[in-house]
Amino acid sequence: MKKLLFVMMVLVIALCASSAMAAYPEKSLTAICPWGAGGGTDSCLRAFCQALEKQLGQTIIVDNKTGAGGVTGHEAIADADPDGYTFGMVTFEFVTYKALDVSDYKSYVNYDPLCRLNADPAGITVNKAWAEKNGIKDLKGFIEYCKANPGKVRMGGSSANSVWHIAGGYFMNVAGVELKMVTYPDGAASAVQAAAQGVDIEGVTVSLAEARSFIESGNLVCLGLMAEERINNEVFGNVPTCKEQGVNAFYATWRGLGLPNGVDASIKAKLADACKAAVKDEDFVKYMANAGLGIAYLDGAEFKAFLEQQEEKDVPAAMEAAGIEL
């Protein structure tokens, strides 16, 4: 009799779990963005959420939780209820937290990686009027100007020790120049606007997608892309790489999705399947191409291995090259 009751209880639990998975999601979801509205991370997340809504049949609300160089938003992801209704966009910065000791959640192991969506190289982009005034026509001219005026050229990125700040330091090391890096706590959007207006900085070391609108308006010009090869799309196909101009600088950011630890495996599987389908959504693919954002999908297991490599080896090496104290 006891054995029969035990079997029945197991069956009831299994049926309840199956029912919960079948019903999920029963309400809207929240996607946490650690960076401000208008930047590349925010726009990438919002575009993907629109595609993901088609797969899940529920609204996804983007919640921008900014501050502390991305720490505020990333910690909010880890602190969320593990019920499957809150996830977030994790970015390059959170694999620097362990080396910098800036967060209570110092490692990717404090998160459950869902997938990687995107990867974009940094560019050396400057105010066009400033470049023309100083006779700068290409990356070589920029480097020569910087060497003649050490520490005078101000370049913006995002917050201190974040991806685009490290990009600036990395470029200095590779090109043998001295720049003054100016940080913007809310992210790249503020830096790009300042560079376009010629206020406080002469240029930025952010992705082309984040600087796109001002490049197209003629306020900014990208002198070189830190990539192995040119971006293969109509938006940025004519932008030369640093490599083809004699500077072997290769540096990129990435963006992915993460869950708090403890989400039910069946719910995570449903989310993962939805993400795998959403990344192929026609509208999302078109948006990313038009925005100049590169799709670089990795599933959960692949993303986890990538994060381990980044956190343990690649990022500390890049930060050391940029002269950031660890």
Protein backbone atom coordinates (compact mmCIF):
# COMPACT_ATOMS: atom_id res chain seq x y z
CA MET A 1 0.00 0.00 0.00
CA LYS A 2 2.80 2.42 0.93
CA LYS A 3 4.59 1.58 -2.30
CA LEU A 4 1.42 2.31 -4.29
CA LEU A 5 0.95 5.65 -2.54
CA PHE A 6 4.58 6.55 -3.28
CA VAL A 7 4.15 5.72 -6.96
CA MET A 8 0.97 7.79 -7.09
CA MET A 9 2.70 10.75 -5.49
CA VAL A 10 5.53 10.56 -8.01
CA LEU A 11 3.00 10.47 -10.84
CA VAL A 12 1.13 13.47 -9.44
CA ILE A 13 4.36 15.46 -9.11
CA ALA A 14 5.37 14.53 -12.66
CA LEU A 15 1.97 15.50 -14.01
CA CYS A 16 2.07 18.84 -12.19
CA ALA A 17 5.54 19.58 -13.55
CA SER A 18 4.42 18.63 -17.05
CA SER A 19 1.35 20.83 -16.73
CA ALA A 20 3.44 23.77 -15.50
CA MET A 21 5.80 23.45 -18.45
CA ALA A 22 2.92 23.19 -20.91
CA ALA A 23 1.31 26.30 -19.47
CA TYR A 24 4.53 28.34 -19.30
CA PRO A 25 4.56 31.23 -19.88
CA GLU A 26 1.20 32.26 -18.45
CA LYS A 27 2.03 35.96 -18.06
CA SER A 28 4.35 38.64 -19.39
CA LEU A 29 8.11 38.34 -18.92
CA THR A 30 10.74 40.89 -17.92
CA ALA A 31 14.06 41.34 -19.70
CA ILE A 32 16.63 43.30 -17.69
CA CYS A 33 19.04 45.53 -19.63
CA PRO A 34 22.13 46.71 -17.66
CA TRP A 35 22.65 49.66 -20.01
CA GLY A 36 20.68 52.77 -20.96
CA ALA A 37 18.02 53.13 -23.63
CA GLY A 38 19.34 54.00 -27.08
CA GLY A 39 22.62 52.11 -26.93
CA GLY A 40 23.57 49.00 -28.88
CA THR A 41 22.75 46.62 -26.05
CA ASP A 42 19.31 48.12 -25.49
CA SER A 43 18.39 48.11 -29.19
CA CYS A 44 19.64 44.55 -29.69
CA LEU A 45 17.65 43.31 -26.70
CA ARG A 46 14.44 45.08 -27.71
CA ALA A 47 14.63 43.74 -31.27
CA PHE A 48 15.21 40.21 -30.01
CA CYS A 49 12.40 40.44 -27.46
CA GLN A 50 9.98 41.30 -30.26
CA ALA A 51 11.02 38.11 -32.04
CA LEU A 52 10.89 36.10 -28.81
CA GLU A 53 7.36 37.31 -28.07
CA LYS A 54 6.20 35.57 -31.26
CA GLN A 55 7.60 32.29 -29.96
CA LEU A 56 6.34 32.56 -26.38
CA GLY A 57 2.99 34.24 -27.03
CA GLN A 58 3.52 36.73 -24.22
CA THR A 59 4.67 40.35 -23.90
CA ILE A 60 8.27 40.95 -22.80
CA ILE A 61 8.91 44.17 -20.89
CA VAL A 62 12.45 45.59 -21.12
CA ASP A 63 13.62 47.05 -17.81
CA ASN A 64 16.73 49.26 -18.05
CA LYS A 65 18.58 48.98 -14.74
CA THR A 66 21.66 51.13 -15.23
CA GLY A 67 24.55 52.22 -13.07
CA ALA A 68 27.90 51.15 -11.62
CA GLY A 69 29.34 50.14 -14.97
CA GLY A 70 26.65 47.58 -15.63
CA VAL A 71 26.93 46.01 -12.17
CA THR A 72 23.45 47.18 -11.10
CA GLY A 73 21.68 45.45 -13.98
CA HIS A 74 23.77 42.31 -13.95
CA GLU A 75 23.23 41.85 -10.22
CA ALA A 76 19.49 42.35 -10.73
CA ILE A 77 19.51 39.41 -13.16
CA ALA A 78 21.25 37.15 -10.63
CA ASP A 79 18.89 38.33 -7.85
CA ALA A 80 15.68 37.76 -9.84
CA ASP A 81 13.19 35.07 -8.85
CA PRO A 82 14.18 31.84 -10.63
CA ASP A 83 10.67 31.30 -11.95
CA GLY A 84 11.55 31.74 -15.62
CA TYR A 85 9.74 35.05 -15.94
CA THR A 86 12.83 37.25 -15.59
CA PHE A 87 15.96 37.03 -17.68
CA GLY A 88 18.46 39.62 -18.81
CA MET A 89 21.05 40.62 -21.35
CA VAL A 90 24.53 39.88 -20.09
CA THR A 91 27.37 41.76 -21.75
CA PHE A 92 31.14 41.67 -21.99
CA GLU A 93 31.50 43.71 -18.80
CA PHE A 94 30.31 41.00 -16.46
CA VAL A 95 33.30 38.78 -17.26
CA THR A 96 35.54 41.60 -15.97
CA TYR A 97 33.93 41.67 -12.52
CA LYS A 98 36.00 38.80 -11.13
CA ALA A 99 39.28 40.39 -12.15
CA LEU A 100 38.20 43.82 -10.90
CA ASP A 101 36.44 42.56 -7.75
CA VAL A 102 33.56 45.02 -8.23
CA SER A 103 30.48 42.87 -7.71
CA ASP A 104 29.02 40.39 -5.25
CA TYR A 105 28.40 38.20 -8.30
CA LYS A 106 31.97 37.97 -9.54
CA SER A 107 31.66 35.15 -12.04
CA TYR A 108 29.57 33.74 -14.85
CA VAL A 109 28.88 30.76 -12.54
CA ASN A 110 26.43 32.99 -10.66
CA TYR A 111 24.22 32.98 -13.77
CA ASP A 112 22.64 30.33 -15.98
CA PRO A 113 23.71 31.14 -19.58
CA LEU A 114 20.82 30.92 -22.03
CA CYS A 115 22.44 31.89 -25.35
CA ARG A 116 24.79 34.35 -27.02
CA LEU A 117 23.16 36.54 -29.65
CA ASN A 118 25.66 39.02 -30.95
CA ALA A 119 29.30 40.02 -31.36
CA ASP A 120 30.59 43.36 -32.70
CA PRO A 121 34.14 44.72 -33.15
CA ALA A 122 35.22 48.12 -31.86
CA GLY A 123 35.97 50.98 -34.23
CA ILE A 124 38.16 54.07 -34.04
CA THR A 125 35.53 56.69 -34.84
CA VAL A 126 36.15 60.44 -34.64
CA ASN A 127 34.39 63.75 -35.10
CA LYS A 128 34.53 64.40 -38.84
CA ALA A 129 34.96 68.18 -38.60
CA TRP A 130 37.79 67.74 -36.10
CA ALA A 131 39.52 65.21 -38.36
CA GLU A 132 39.28 67.51 -41.40
CA LYS A 133 40.53 70.48 -39.40
CA ASN A 134 43.63 68.52 -38.41
CA GLY A 135 44.25 66.89 -41.79
CA ILE A 136 43.36 63.39 -40.60
CA LYS A 137 42.10 61.27 -43.50
CA ASP A 138 42.76 57.72 -42.30
CA LEU A 139 43.97 55.62 -39.38
CA LYS A 140 47.62 56.30 -40.19
CA GLY A 141 46.98 60.04 -40.03
CA PHE A 142 45.16 59.63 -36.71
CA ILE A 143 48.04 57.66 -35.20
CA GLU A 144 50.58 60.22 -36.44
CA TYR A 145 48.51 63.05 -34.91
CA CYS A 146 48.23 61.18 -31.59
CA LYS A 147 51.97 60.58 -31.49
CA ALA A 148 52.61 64.27 -32.16
CA ASN A 149 50.10 65.21 -29.44
CA PRO A 150 50.46 62.57 -26.71
CA GLY A 151 47.55 62.47 -24.29
CA LYS A 152 45.75 65.34 -26.03
CA VAL A 153 43.21 63.33 -28.05
CA ARG A 154 40.17 62.44 -25.92
CA MET A 155 38.28 59.27 -26.77
CA GLY A 156 35.05 58.11 -25.14
CA GLY A 157 33.74 54.62 -24.58
CA SER A 158 31.32 53.52 -21.91
CA SER A 159 31.87 53.21 -18.16
CA ALA A 160 35.24 52.75 -16.46
CA ASN A 161 36.77 49.31 -17.09
CA SER A 162 33.93 48.39 -19.44
CA VAL A 163 34.28 46.92 -22.91
CA TRP A 164 34.84 50.17 -24.81
CA HIS A 165 37.11 51.60 -22.14
CA ILE A 166 39.28 48.49 -22.42
CA ALA A 167 39.08 48.80 -26.22
CA GLY A 168 40.68 52.26 -26.02
CA GLY A 169 43.46 51.03 -23.78
CA TYR A 170 44.01 48.01 -25.98
CA PHE A 171 44.32 50.22 -29.07
CA MET A 172 46.82 52.47 -27.31
CA ASN A 173 48.97 49.45 -26.53
CA VAL A 174 48.84 48.03 -30.06
CA ALA A 175 49.26 51.33 -31.93
CA GLY A 176 51.83 52.81 -29.56
CA VAL A 177 49.88 56.01 -28.89
CA GLU A 178 48.67 57.83 -25.78
CA LEU A 179 44.98 58.76 -25.65
CA LYS A 180 42.92 60.27 -22.88
CA MET A 181 40.02 57.89 -22.27
CA VAL A 182 36.83 59.57 -21.01
CA THR A 183 34.23 57.27 -19.46
CA TYR A 184 30.42 57.49 -19.64
CA PRO A 185 28.61 55.59 -16.84
CA ASP A 186 25.33 55.22 -18.75
CA GLY A 187 26.96 53.57 -21.74
CA ALA A 188 28.01 54.22 -25.32
CA ALA A 189 25.03 56.31 -26.42
CA SER A 190 26.13 59.31 -24.33
CA ALA A 191 29.71 59.04 -25.56
CA VAL A 192 28.67 58.87 -29.20
CA GLN A 193 26.47 61.94 -28.87
CA ALA A 194 29.26 63.90 -27.19
CA ALA A 195 31.73 62.96 -29.95
CA ALA A 196 29.24 63.89 -32.67
CA GLN A 197 28.68 67.30 -31.07
CA GLY A 198 32.39 67.82 -30.48
CA VAL A 199 31.81 68.22 -26.75
CA ASP A 200 34.48 66.96 -24.31
CA ILE A 201 35.87 64.28 -26.66
CA GLU A 202 37.17 63.95 -30.20
CA GLY A 203 36.02 60.40 -30.83
CA VAL A 204 34.87 57.03 -29.51
CA THR A 205 36.06 53.42 -29.39
CA VAL A 206 32.61 51.82 -29.63
CA SER A 207 30.97 49.53 -32.18
CA LEU A 208 29.88 50.87 -35.55
CA ALA A 209 26.26 50.04 -34.81
CA GLU A 210 26.27 52.37 -31.80
CA ALA A 211 27.79 55.21 -33.82
CA ARG A 212 25.81 54.52 -36.99
CA SER A 213 23.30 57.37 -36.97
CA PHE A 214 26.03 60.00 -36.57
CA ILE A 215 28.25 58.32 -39.14
CA GLU A 216 25.40 58.45 -41.65
CA SER A 217 24.63 62.08 -40.76
CA GLY A 218 28.24 63.03 -41.46
CA ASN A 219 29.11 64.06 -37.89
CA LEU A 220 31.39 61.09 -37.30
CA VAL A 221 33.75 59.03 -39.46
CA CYS A 222 35.16 55.59 -38.66
CA LEU A 223 38.88 55.41 -39.45
CA GLY A 224 39.37 51.71 -38.69
CA LEU A 225 37.59 48.62 -37.42
CA MET A 226 39.26 46.27 -34.93
CA ALA A 227 38.29 43.14 -36.85
CA GLU A 228 39.94 40.41 -38.91
CA GLU A 229 37.91 41.45 -41.96
CA ARG A 230 35.39 44.06 -43.06
CA ILE A 231 31.76 43.75 -42.01
CA ASN A 232 29.91 42.00 -44.79
CA ASN A 233 26.79 44.15 -45.12
CA GLU A 234 25.62 47.21 -47.05
CA VAL A 235 25.75 49.45 -43.99
CA PHE A 236 29.45 49.16 -43.10
CA GLY A 237 31.02 47.19 -45.94
CA ASN A 238 33.19 50.14 -46.94
CA VAL A 239 34.77 50.69 -43.52
CA PRO A 240 38.42 49.55 -43.57
CA THR A 241 39.87 47.37 -40.84
CA CYS A 242 42.82 48.41 -38.72
CA LYS A 243 44.60 45.29 -40.00
CA GLU A 244 44.49 46.34 -43.64
CA GLN A 245 46.00 49.66 -42.57
CA GLY A 246 48.95 48.00 -40.86
CA VAL A 247 47.66 47.92 -37.26
CA ASN A 248 46.94 44.42 -35.94
CA ALA A 249 44.19 45.39 -33.52
CA PHE A 250 41.39 42.84 -32.96
CA TYR A 251 38.78 43.51 -30.31
CA ALA A 252 35.03 42.91 -30.01
CA THR A 253 32.13 43.04 -27.61
CA TRP A 254 29.33 40.49 -27.33
CA ARG A 255 25.84 40.23 -25.90
CA GLY A 256 23.85 37.25 -24.67
CA LEU A 257 21.00 36.21 -22.41
CA GLY A 258 21.25 34.87 -18.89
CA LEU A 259 18.90 33.55 -16.25
CA PRO A 260 19.26 33.55 -12.48
CA ASN A 261 20.44 30.18 -11.20
CA GLY A 262 17.73 27.74 -10.17
CA VAL A 263 15.22 28.03 -13.03
CA ASP A 264 13.40 24.74 -13.62
CA ALA A 265 15.14 22.73 -16.34
CA SER A 266 11.93 22.23 -18.33
CA ILE A 267 11.21 25.98 -18.34
CA LYS A 268 14.77 26.78 -19.33
CA ALA A 269 14.51 24.25 -22.17
CA LYS A 270 11.36 25.93 -23.45
CA LEU A 271 13.03 29.33 -23.30
CA ALA A 272 16.13 27.98 -25.04
CA ASP A 273 14.04 26.50 -27.87
CA ALA A 274 12.20 29.81 -28.24
CA CYS A 275 15.51 31.71 -28.41
CA LYS A 276 16.89 29.31 -31.03
CA ALA A 277 13.85 29.98 -33.20
CA ALA A 278 13.71 33.73 -32.48
CA VAL A 279 17.30 34.32 -33.59
CA LYS A 280 16.21 33.21 -37.07
CA ASP A 281 13.13 35.44 -37.10
CA GLU A 282 12.99 37.34 -40.39
CA ASP A 283 12.29 40.70 -38.76
CA PHE A 284 15.09 40.24 -36.22
CA VAL A 285 17.61 39.21 -38.88
CA LYS A 286 16.62 42.19 -41.01
CA TYR A 287 16.86 44.58 -38.08
CA MET A 288 20.31 43.35 -37.08
CA ALA A 289 21.58 43.66 -40.66
CA ASN A 290 20.18 47.17 -41.05
CA ALA A 291 21.60 48.23 -37.69
CA GLY A 292 25.02 46.78 -38.48
CA LEU A 293 24.80 44.40 -35.52
CA GLY A 294 26.32 40.99 -36.08
CA ILE A 295 24.39 37.83 -35.17
CA ALA A 296 26.75 35.35 -33.50
CA TYR A 297 24.52 32.72 -31.87
CA LEU A 298 25.76 30.19 -29.32
CA ASP A 299 23.46 27.85 -27.41
CA GLY A 300 23.56 27.60 -23.61
CA ALA A 301 26.36 25.02 -23.39
CA GLU A 302 28.47 26.76 -26.03
CA PHE A 303 27.90 30.13 -24.39
CA LYS A 304 28.95 28.75 -21.00
CA ALA A 305 32.23 27.43 -22.45
CA PHE A 306 32.79 30.79 -24.16
CA LEU A 307 32.23 32.66 -20.89
CA GLU A 308 34.69 30.45 -19.07
CA GLN A 309 37.35 31.14 -21.71
CA GLN A 310 36.63 34.88 -21.58
CA GLU A 311 36.65 35.17 -17.80
CA GLU A 312 39.63 32.95 -17.07
CA LYS A 313 41.95 33.78 -19.98
CA ASP A 314 40.99 36.21 -22.74
CA VAL A 315 39.65 39.19 -20.78
CA PRO A 316 42.35 39.35 -18.09
CA ALA A 317 44.95 39.28 -20.88
CA ALA A 318 43.21 42.15 -22.74
CA MET A 319 42.86 44.20 -19.55
CA GLU A 320 46.53 43.73 -18.76
CA ALA A 321 47.39 44.87 -22.28
CA ALA A 322 45.20 47.95 -21.71
CA GLY A 323 47.13 48.78 -18.54
CA ILE A 324 44.20 48.23 -16.16
CA GLU A 325 45.32 47.19 -12.68
CA LEU A 326 43.92 43.79 -11.66
